[in-house]
Amino acid sequence: MSDELNSLEDLKNLTSGVVATEGSEVIEAAEVIETPLPEPKIDAQGRSYATGKRKNAIARVWIKPGTGKITINGRDQETYFARPVLRMILAQAFEIAGRSDQFDVVCTAKGGGLSGQAGAVRHGISKALTYYEPALRRPLKAAGFLTRDSRVVERKKYGRAKARRSFQFSKR
């Protein structure tokens, strides 16, 4: 038996999962070994916990099965995040996972501004969902919600007005 591929037909068979050898003998390619999903991380109260970060904001997030109520720092999401765009950011993780109005969220957010806190809460919700249901990792990862967005504000430099802006030039 040879392991060489001599024609395009052999290459076609290889991509379909079948390797053709000399003669009419056909050997199946090795089956893909699927790794088992990790165990869900659920505490004694039936909640999953995760930490989300964005810019300088940090959010501690607990999710548990419920009616879809989201509480941030003891206040409802409509009062804490008054802009609809920020509330939409929170709901994105549940929409991608197909779990809208199935989990209650309790979180504490600190640091940064409202936009950074909304991003941190979304990051925490996404991580907590994967801890509660490990099968949701693939769609959330594909949407980019499990990646911590590491972009932060650049520091101000000496001799500059801001990070990169120089002072106004005066000819005279």
Protein backbone atom coordinates (compact mmCIF):
# COMPACT_ATOMS: atom_id res chain seq x y z
CA MET A 1 0.00 0.00 0.00
CA SER A 2 1.23 3.48 -0.76
CA ASP A 3 0.23 6.66 1.02
CA GLU A 4 0.90 8.83 -2.03
CA LEU A 5 -1.85 10.60 -3.93
CA ASN A 6 -1.21 10.32 -7.65
CA SER A 7 -4.24 11.93 -9.24
CA LEU A 8 -6.97 14.48 -8.69
CA GLU A 9 -9.43 11.61 -8.20
CA ASP A 10 -7.40 10.43 -5.20
CA LEU A 11 -7.47 13.95 -3.79
CA LYS A 12 -11.24 14.15 -4.29
CA ASN A 13 -11.70 10.87 -2.44
CA LEU A 14 -9.50 12.15 0.37
CA THR A 15 -11.65 15.23 0.94
CA SER A 16 -14.81 13.13 1.00
CA GLY A 17 -13.40 11.02 3.82
CA VAL A 18 -12.38 7.98 1.73
CA VAL A 19 -8.83 7.11 0.71
CA ALA A 20 -8.49 4.95 -2.40
CA THR A 21 -5.53 2.60 -2.56
CA GLU A 22 -4.05 0.28 -5.16
CA GLY A 23 -6.66 -1.88 -6.84
CA SER A 24 -10.30 -1.65 -5.86
CA GLU A 25 -9.63 -1.73 -2.13
CA VAL A 26 -11.13 1.28 -0.24
CA ILE A 27 -10.14 2.35 3.27
CA GLU A 28 -12.24 4.75 5.36
CA ALA A 29 -10.38 7.76 6.73
CA ALA A 30 -10.04 7.98 10.50
CA GLU A 31 -13.26 9.16 12.09
CA VAL A 32 -13.17 12.52 13.79
CA ILE A 33 -12.98 12.04 17.53
CA GLU A 34 -15.35 14.49 19.17
CA THR A 35 -14.35 15.65 22.61
CA PRO A 36 -17.03 15.47 25.27
CA LEU A 37 -18.51 18.73 26.51
CA PRO A 38 -17.29 19.96 29.91
CA GLU A 39 -19.54 19.70 32.93
CA PRO A 40 -21.80 22.71 33.63
CA LYS A 41 -20.56 24.98 36.43
CA ILE A 42 -23.65 25.63 38.55
CA ASP A 43 -23.56 26.62 42.23
CA ALA A 44 -25.88 25.50 45.05
CA GLN A 45 -28.46 28.21 44.20
CA GLY A 46 -28.68 27.02 40.57
CA ARG A 47 -26.66 29.96 39.18
CA SER A 48 -23.63 30.28 36.95
CA TYR A 49 -21.08 33.02 37.58
CA ALA A 50 -18.70 34.76 35.19
CA THR A 51 -16.67 37.95 35.02
CA GLY A 52 -16.86 40.16 31.94
CA LYS A 53 -14.47 42.95 31.02
CA ARG A 54 -14.47 45.78 28.47
CA LYS A 55 -12.26 48.89 28.45
CA ASN A 56 -11.93 49.79 32.16
CA ALA A 57 -15.26 48.24 33.16
CA ILE A 58 -15.61 44.99 35.07
CA ALA A 59 -18.93 43.16 35.47
CA ARG A 60 -19.63 40.26 37.81
CA VAL A 61 -22.56 38.32 36.33
CA TRP A 62 -24.80 35.59 37.77
CA ILE A 63 -27.43 33.89 35.59
CA LYS A 64 -30.17 31.48 36.59
CA PRO A 65 -33.31 30.18 34.88
CA GLY A 66 -36.11 32.71 35.04
CA THR A 67 -38.24 35.15 33.08
CA GLY A 68 -35.57 37.32 31.42
CA LYS A 69 -35.20 40.02 34.10
CA ILE A 70 -31.83 41.81 34.04
CA THR A 71 -30.67 43.69 37.14
CA ILE A 72 -27.49 45.80 37.17
CA ASN A 73 -26.23 47.21 40.49
CA GLY A 74 -29.66 46.68 42.05
CA ARG A 75 -31.48 48.61 39.30
CA ASP A 76 -33.50 47.38 36.35
CA GLN A 77 -31.80 47.46 32.93
CA GLU A 78 -34.21 50.14 31.62
CA THR A 79 -33.18 52.58 34.33
CA TYR A 80 -29.47 51.73 34.42
CA PHE A 81 -28.95 51.62 30.64
CA ALA A 82 -31.36 54.30 29.39
CA ARG A 83 -30.15 54.15 25.76
CA PRO A 84 -31.79 51.40 23.68
CA VAL A 85 -28.45 50.59 22.01
CA LEU A 86 -26.95 49.57 25.34
CA ARG A 87 -29.93 47.33 26.16
CA MET A 88 -29.61 45.78 22.69
CA ILE A 89 -25.96 44.94 23.46
CA LEU A 90 -27.08 43.03 26.56
CA ALA A 91 -29.71 41.06 24.63
CA GLN A 92 -27.34 40.01 21.82
CA ALA A 93 -25.86 37.05 23.71
CA PHE A 94 -29.29 35.60 24.49
CA GLU A 95 -30.49 36.08 20.89
CA ILE A 96 -27.45 34.31 19.41
CA ALA A 97 -27.86 31.45 21.90
CA GLY A 98 -31.63 31.26 21.30
CA ARG A 99 -32.35 31.72 25.01
CA SER A 100 -34.27 35.03 25.08
CA ASP A 101 -36.40 35.50 28.23
CA GLN A 102 -35.20 32.19 29.73
CA PHE A 103 -32.59 33.47 32.21
CA ASP A 104 -32.58 36.07 34.96
CA VAL A 105 -29.38 38.10 35.21
CA VAL A 106 -28.03 39.77 38.33
CA CYS A 107 -24.79 41.67 37.93
CA THR A 108 -22.59 44.33 39.43
CA ALA A 109 -20.71 46.65 37.08
CA LYS A 110 -18.01 49.11 38.05
CA GLY A 111 -15.38 51.19 36.33
CA GLY A 112 -15.44 52.82 32.92
CA GLY A 113 -18.51 54.40 31.36
CA LEU A 114 -21.91 53.06 30.40
CA SER A 115 -20.78 51.76 27.01
CA GLY A 116 -17.88 49.85 28.54
CA GLN A 117 -20.11 48.49 31.28
CA ALA A 118 -22.66 47.26 28.72
CA GLY A 119 -19.89 45.48 26.83
CA ALA A 120 -18.57 43.98 30.05
CA VAL A 121 -22.04 42.73 31.03
CA ARG A 122 -22.48 41.13 27.58
CA HIS A 123 -19.09 39.45 27.90
CA GLY A 124 -20.02 38.16 31.36
CA ILE A 125 -23.44 36.93 30.21
CA SER A 126 -21.83 35.05 27.32
CA LYS A 127 -19.28 33.37 29.58
CA ALA A 128 -21.93 32.50 32.18
CA LEU A 129 -24.14 30.97 29.47
CA THR A 130 -21.28 28.72 28.37
CA TYR A 131 -20.74 27.67 31.98
CA TYR A 132 -24.45 26.91 32.41
CA GLU A 133 -24.85 25.18 29.00
CA PRO A 134 -21.48 24.18 27.49
CA ALA A 135 -23.18 23.39 24.15
CA LEU A 136 -23.74 27.14 23.62
CA ARG A 137 -20.01 27.81 23.40
CA ARG A 138 -19.78 27.30 19.63
CA PRO A 139 -22.40 29.88 18.51
CA LEU A 140 -21.26 32.45 21.10
CA LYS A 141 -17.62 31.99 20.12
CA ALA A 142 -18.49 32.34 16.42
CA ALA A 143 -20.28 35.63 17.17
CA GLY A 144 -17.18 36.88 19.02
CA PHE A 145 -18.86 37.34 22.40
CA LEU A 146 -16.39 35.20 24.38
CA THR A 147 -13.35 37.22 23.31
CA ARG A 148 -12.36 40.00 25.67
CA ASP A 149 -12.11 43.20 23.64
CA SER A 150 -8.69 44.42 24.75
CA ARG A 151 -8.87 47.89 23.21
CA VAL A 152 -8.40 50.56 25.86
CA VAL A 153 -7.77 54.31 25.75
CA GLU A 154 -4.21 55.21 24.85
CA ARG A 155 -2.30 57.15 27.50
CA LYS A 156 -1.53 60.85 27.17
CA LYS A 157 2.05 61.58 26.14
CA TYR A 158 4.37 64.31 27.39
CA GLY A 159 4.46 67.35 25.10
CA ARG A 160 1.10 66.50 23.51
CA ALA A 161 -2.41 67.81 24.08
CA LYS A 162 -3.85 64.26 24.18
CA ALA A 163 -2.46 60.86 23.29
CA ARG A 164 -1.47 61.88 19.75
CA ARG A 165 -2.85 65.37 19.16
CA SER A 166 -0.24 68.12 19.33
CA PHE A 167 -0.79 71.61 20.58
CA GLN A 168 -1.98 74.18 18.04
CA PHE A 169 0.90 75.50 15.96
CA SER A 170 1.48 79.25 16.14
CA LYS A 171 3.46 80.78 13.30
CA ARG A 172 4.19 84.01 15.21
